[in-house]
């Protein structure tokens, strides 16, 4: 079963090809998705890499903290994104007043 990894602290020059080559040392990579700003298209400094669970665990152990293109990578299991209403509460941020 595929496992998705969060890869943070990336430079603005990293490519999908760079990350794929780095993670393939631990096994086949199913996908690489570098996140970009919707407005500017600039890299946001993190990506997601998908590979099988066993290889993903090995990659996490081997690559977390590794210096890559001048930055120390942060590699973790990707977590589901939580939206403001998942728990049924109101969105975080400024309070809405009724007056």
N, C-alpha and C. Protein backbone atom coordinates (compact mmCIF):
# COMPACT_ATOMS: atom_id res chain seq x y z
N UNK A 1 0.84 -1.18 0.00
CA UNK A 1 0.00 0.00 0.00
C UNK A 1 0.89 1.25 0.00
N UNK A 2 0.63 2.22 -0.85
CA UNK A 2 1.47 3.42 -0.93
C UNK A 2 1.37 4.27 0.33
N UNK A 3 2.47 4.93 0.64
CA UNK A 3 2.53 5.83 1.78
C UNK A 3 3.02 7.18 1.27
N UNK A 4 2.41 8.22 1.77
CA UNK A 4 2.73 9.58 1.34
C UNK A 4 3.60 10.24 2.41
N UNK A 5 4.73 10.81 1.97
CA UNK A 5 5.65 11.49 2.86
C UNK A 5 5.64 12.99 2.59
N UNK A 6 5.72 13.76 3.67
CA UNK A 6 5.90 15.21 3.58
C UNK A 6 7.40 15.46 3.57
N UNK A 7 7.87 16.30 2.64
CA UNK A 7 9.28 16.66 2.56
C UNK A 7 9.35 18.17 2.64
N UNK A 8 9.93 18.67 3.72
CA UNK A 8 9.97 20.11 3.94
C UNK A 8 11.39 20.66 3.94
N UNK A 9 11.46 21.98 3.98
CA UNK A 9 12.71 22.75 3.98
C UNK A 9 13.46 22.59 2.66
N UNK A 10 12.72 22.70 1.57
CA UNK A 10 13.31 22.58 0.23
C UNK A 10 13.72 23.94 -0.30
N UNK A 11 14.73 23.94 -1.15
CA UNK A 11 15.15 25.18 -1.80
C UNK A 11 14.17 25.53 -2.91
N UNK A 12 14.28 26.75 -3.39
CA UNK A 12 13.38 27.18 -4.47
C UNK A 12 13.87 26.71 -5.84
N UNK A 13 14.95 25.95 -5.87
CA UNK A 13 15.49 25.45 -7.14
C UNK A 13 15.28 23.94 -7.32
N UNK A 14 14.71 23.28 -6.33
CA UNK A 14 14.52 21.82 -6.39
C UNK A 14 13.48 21.47 -7.47
N UNK A 15 13.68 20.32 -8.09
CA UNK A 15 12.73 19.84 -9.11
C UNK A 15 12.18 18.48 -8.69
N UNK A 16 11.11 18.08 -9.36
CA UNK A 16 10.54 16.76 -9.12
C UNK A 16 11.57 15.68 -9.44
N UNK A 17 12.34 15.91 -10.49
CA UNK A 17 13.37 14.96 -10.90
C UNK A 17 14.42 14.79 -9.80
N UNK A 18 14.84 15.91 -9.17
CA UNK A 18 15.82 15.86 -8.07
C UNK A 18 15.30 15.00 -6.92
N UNK A 19 14.06 15.26 -6.51
CA UNK A 19 13.49 14.54 -5.38
C UNK A 19 13.27 13.07 -5.70
N UNK A 20 12.82 12.80 -6.91
CA UNK A 20 12.60 11.41 -7.31
C UNK A 20 13.92 10.64 -7.26
N UNK A 21 14.98 11.22 -7.77
CA UNK A 21 16.29 10.56 -7.75
C UNK A 21 16.77 10.32 -6.32
N UNK A 22 16.54 11.28 -5.44
CA UNK A 22 16.95 11.14 -4.05
C UNK A 22 16.19 10.01 -3.35
N UNK A 23 14.88 9.97 -3.52
CA UNK A 23 14.05 8.98 -2.84
C UNK A 23 14.15 7.60 -3.48
N UNK A 24 14.49 7.51 -4.76
CA UNK A 24 14.60 6.22 -5.43
C UNK A 24 15.74 5.36 -4.88
N UNK A 25 16.64 5.97 -4.11
CA UNK A 25 17.69 5.20 -3.46
C UNK A 25 17.10 4.22 -2.45
N UNK A 26 15.86 4.47 -2.03
CA UNK A 26 15.19 3.64 -1.04
C UNK A 26 14.10 2.75 -1.64
N UNK A 27 13.81 2.92 -2.91
CA UNK A 27 12.81 2.09 -3.58
C UNK A 27 12.05 2.89 -4.62
N UNK A 28 11.15 2.22 -5.34
CA UNK A 28 10.39 2.90 -6.39
C UNK A 28 9.53 4.04 -5.84
N UNK A 29 9.53 5.13 -6.57
CA UNK A 29 8.74 6.31 -6.21
C UNK A 29 7.53 6.35 -7.14
N UNK A 30 6.32 6.42 -6.54
CA UNK A 30 5.10 6.46 -7.34
C UNK A 30 4.79 7.87 -7.83
N UNK A 31 5.03 8.86 -6.98
CA UNK A 31 4.76 10.23 -7.41
C UNK A 31 5.54 11.22 -6.56
N UNK A 32 5.80 12.38 -7.15
CA UNK A 32 6.43 13.52 -6.47
C UNK A 32 5.60 14.74 -6.82
N UNK A 33 5.19 15.49 -5.81
CA UNK A 33 4.40 16.70 -6.04
C UNK A 33 4.99 17.84 -5.23
N UNK A 34 5.63 18.77 -5.91
CA UNK A 34 6.18 19.96 -5.26
C UNK A 34 5.09 21.01 -5.22
N UNK A 35 4.85 21.54 -4.04
CA UNK A 35 3.76 22.49 -3.87
C UNK A 35 4.20 23.90 -4.29
N UNK A 36 3.29 24.58 -4.99
CA UNK A 36 3.54 25.92 -5.50
C UNK A 36 2.45 26.87 -5.03
N UNK A 37 2.81 28.14 -4.94
CA UNK A 37 1.85 29.17 -4.59
C UNK A 37 0.87 29.32 -5.73
N UNK A 38 -0.42 29.36 -5.42
CA UNK A 38 -1.45 29.46 -6.46
C UNK A 38 -1.37 30.76 -7.24
N UNK A 39 -1.01 31.83 -6.57
CA UNK A 39 -0.99 33.15 -7.20
C UNK A 39 0.27 33.38 -8.05
N UNK A 40 1.45 33.06 -7.46
CA UNK A 40 2.71 33.40 -8.11
C UNK A 40 3.37 32.24 -8.84
N UNK A 41 3.01 31.02 -8.46
CA UNK A 41 3.65 29.85 -9.06
C UNK A 41 5.00 29.52 -8.42
N UNK A 42 5.41 30.30 -7.43
CA UNK A 42 6.70 30.05 -6.77
C UNK A 42 6.59 28.83 -5.86
N UNK A 43 7.72 28.15 -5.67
CA UNK A 43 7.74 26.98 -4.80
C UNK A 43 7.46 27.41 -3.36
N UNK A 44 6.73 26.56 -2.63
CA UNK A 44 6.36 26.87 -1.25
C UNK A 44 7.31 26.24 -0.24
N UNK A 45 8.31 25.49 -0.70
CA UNK A 45 9.32 24.94 0.21
C UNK A 45 9.02 23.55 0.73
N UNK A 46 7.97 22.92 0.21
CA UNK A 46 7.69 21.55 0.62
C UNK A 46 7.08 20.77 -0.53
N UNK A 47 7.10 19.44 -0.36
CA UNK A 47 6.60 18.55 -1.40
C UNK A 47 6.04 17.29 -0.75
N UNK A 48 5.40 16.47 -1.56
CA UNK A 48 4.91 15.17 -1.12
C UNK A 48 5.48 14.11 -2.05
N UNK A 49 5.97 13.03 -1.46
CA UNK A 49 6.52 11.90 -2.21
C UNK A 49 5.73 10.68 -1.81
N UNK A 50 5.33 9.88 -2.80
CA UNK A 50 4.56 8.68 -2.53
C UNK A 50 5.35 7.45 -2.96
N UNK A 51 5.47 6.50 -2.04
CA UNK A 51 6.17 5.24 -2.31
C UNK A 51 5.57 4.17 -1.41
N UNK A 52 5.97 2.89 -1.60
CA UNK A 52 5.35 1.86 -0.75
C UNK A 52 5.79 2.04 0.70
N UNK A 53 4.99 1.52 1.62
CA UNK A 53 5.13 1.81 3.05
C UNK A 53 6.51 1.43 3.61
N UNK A 54 6.99 0.25 3.29
CA UNK A 54 8.27 -0.19 3.85
C UNK A 54 9.42 0.71 3.36
N UNK A 55 9.44 1.00 2.07
CA UNK A 55 10.48 1.86 1.52
C UNK A 55 10.34 3.29 2.04
N UNK A 56 9.10 3.73 2.24
CA UNK A 56 8.87 5.08 2.75
C UNK A 56 9.43 5.22 4.16
N UNK A 57 9.26 4.20 4.99
CA UNK A 57 9.81 4.24 6.34
C UNK A 57 11.33 4.31 6.31
N UNK A 58 11.95 3.53 5.42
CA UNK A 58 13.41 3.57 5.28
C UNK A 58 13.88 4.93 4.78
N UNK A 59 13.15 5.49 3.82
CA UNK A 59 13.51 6.81 3.28
C UNK A 59 13.39 7.87 4.35
N UNK A 60 12.34 7.81 5.16
CA UNK A 60 12.15 8.78 6.23
C UNK A 60 13.33 8.74 7.20
N UNK A 61 13.71 7.54 7.61
CA UNK A 61 14.83 7.39 8.55
C UNK A 61 16.14 7.87 7.93
N UNK A 62 16.34 7.56 6.65
CA UNK A 62 17.60 7.90 6.01
C UNK A 62 17.73 9.35 5.55
N UNK A 63 16.60 10.00 5.26
CA UNK A 63 16.68 11.33 4.67
C UNK A 63 16.30 12.48 5.61
N UNK A 64 15.60 12.19 6.70
CA UNK A 64 15.23 13.26 7.63
C UNK A 64 16.49 13.86 8.23
N UNK A 65 16.67 15.15 8.04
CA UNK A 65 17.85 15.86 8.54
C UNK A 65 19.02 15.90 7.58
N UNK A 66 18.93 15.17 6.47
CA UNK A 66 20.01 15.14 5.49
C UNK A 66 20.15 16.50 4.81
N UNK A 67 21.38 16.93 4.59
CA UNK A 67 21.60 18.17 3.85
C UNK A 67 21.43 17.88 2.37
N UNK A 68 20.53 18.64 1.73
CA UNK A 68 20.22 18.46 0.31
C UNK A 68 20.10 19.84 -0.31
N UNK A 69 20.96 20.12 -1.27
CA UNK A 69 21.00 21.42 -1.95
C UNK A 69 21.13 22.57 -0.94
N UNK A 70 21.94 22.35 0.09
CA UNK A 70 22.23 23.39 1.06
C UNK A 70 21.22 23.54 2.18
N UNK A 71 20.19 22.70 2.22
CA UNK A 71 19.17 22.77 3.27
C UNK A 71 19.05 21.40 3.94
N UNK A 72 18.68 21.39 5.22
CA UNK A 72 18.46 20.14 5.95
C UNK A 72 17.00 19.73 5.78
N UNK A 73 16.79 18.59 5.11
CA UNK A 73 15.44 18.12 4.83
C UNK A 73 14.69 17.75 6.10
N UNK A 74 13.40 17.94 6.06
CA UNK A 74 12.48 17.49 7.10
C UNK A 74 11.55 16.49 6.42
N UNK A 75 11.62 15.22 6.80
CA UNK A 75 10.81 14.18 6.17
C UNK A 75 9.94 13.52 7.24
N UNK A 76 8.64 13.57 7.03
CA UNK A 76 7.66 12.98 7.95
C UNK A 76 6.56 12.28 7.17
N UNK A 77 5.81 11.46 7.88
CA UNK A 77 4.60 10.89 7.30
C UNK A 77 3.63 12.06 7.06
N UNK A 78 3.07 12.12 5.88
CA UNK A 78 2.12 13.19 5.55
C UNK A 78 0.85 12.99 6.35
N UNK A 79 0.31 14.09 6.85
CA UNK A 79 -0.94 14.04 7.60
C UNK A 79 -2.06 14.60 6.75
N UNK A 80 -3.27 14.14 7.04
CA UNK A 80 -4.41 14.69 6.33
C UNK A 80 -4.55 16.17 6.67
N UNK A 81 -4.87 16.93 5.69
CA UNK A 81 -5.07 18.35 5.90
C UNK A 81 -6.39 18.56 6.63
N UNK A 82 -6.34 19.37 7.68
CA UNK A 82 -7.55 19.63 8.45
C UNK A 82 -8.14 20.96 8.02
N UNK A 83 -9.38 20.90 7.60
CA UNK A 83 -10.09 22.12 7.25
C UNK A 83 -10.71 22.74 8.49
N UNK A 84 -11.24 23.93 8.37
CA UNK A 84 -11.76 24.62 9.54
C UNK A 84 -12.99 23.97 10.16
N UNK A 85 -13.76 23.21 9.40
CA UNK A 85 -15.01 22.67 9.94
C UNK A 85 -15.00 21.16 10.12
N UNK A 86 -13.83 20.54 10.14
CA UNK A 86 -13.78 19.09 10.31
C UNK A 86 -14.32 18.68 11.67
N UNK A 87 -14.06 19.46 12.71
CA UNK A 87 -14.54 19.11 14.04
C UNK A 87 -15.91 19.70 14.32
N UNK A 88 -16.45 20.43 13.40
CA UNK A 88 -17.77 21.02 13.59
C UNK A 88 -17.72 22.40 14.22
N UNK A 89 -16.54 22.85 14.60
CA UNK A 89 -16.41 24.17 15.22
C UNK A 89 -16.32 25.24 14.16
N UNK A 90 -16.29 26.47 14.63
CA UNK A 90 -16.16 27.56 13.65
C UNK A 90 -14.70 27.70 13.26
N UNK A 91 -14.42 28.25 12.10
CA UNK A 91 -13.04 28.41 11.65
C UNK A 91 -12.24 29.27 12.61
N UNK A 92 -10.95 28.96 12.71
CA UNK A 92 -10.07 29.75 13.56
C UNK A 92 -9.81 31.10 12.90
N UNK A 93 -9.44 32.04 13.70
CA UNK A 93 -9.15 33.37 13.17
C UNK A 93 -9.86 34.42 13.99
N UNK A 94 -10.16 35.51 13.37
CA UNK A 94 -10.81 36.61 14.09
C UNK A 94 -12.21 36.21 14.53
N UNK A 95 -12.57 36.69 15.72
CA UNK A 95 -13.91 36.40 16.23
C UNK A 95 -14.94 37.22 15.50
N UNK A 96 -16.07 36.63 15.26
CA UNK A 96 -17.19 37.33 14.62
C UNK A 96 -18.09 37.85 15.73
N UNK A 97 -18.35 39.11 15.72
CA UNK A 97 -19.23 39.70 16.72
C UNK A 97 -20.61 39.91 16.12
N UNK A 98 -21.60 39.83 16.97
CA UNK A 98 -22.97 39.96 16.48
C UNK A 98 -23.45 41.40 16.43
N UNK A 99 -22.65 42.37 16.92
CA UNK A 99 -23.14 43.74 16.90
C UNK A 99 -22.87 44.44 15.63
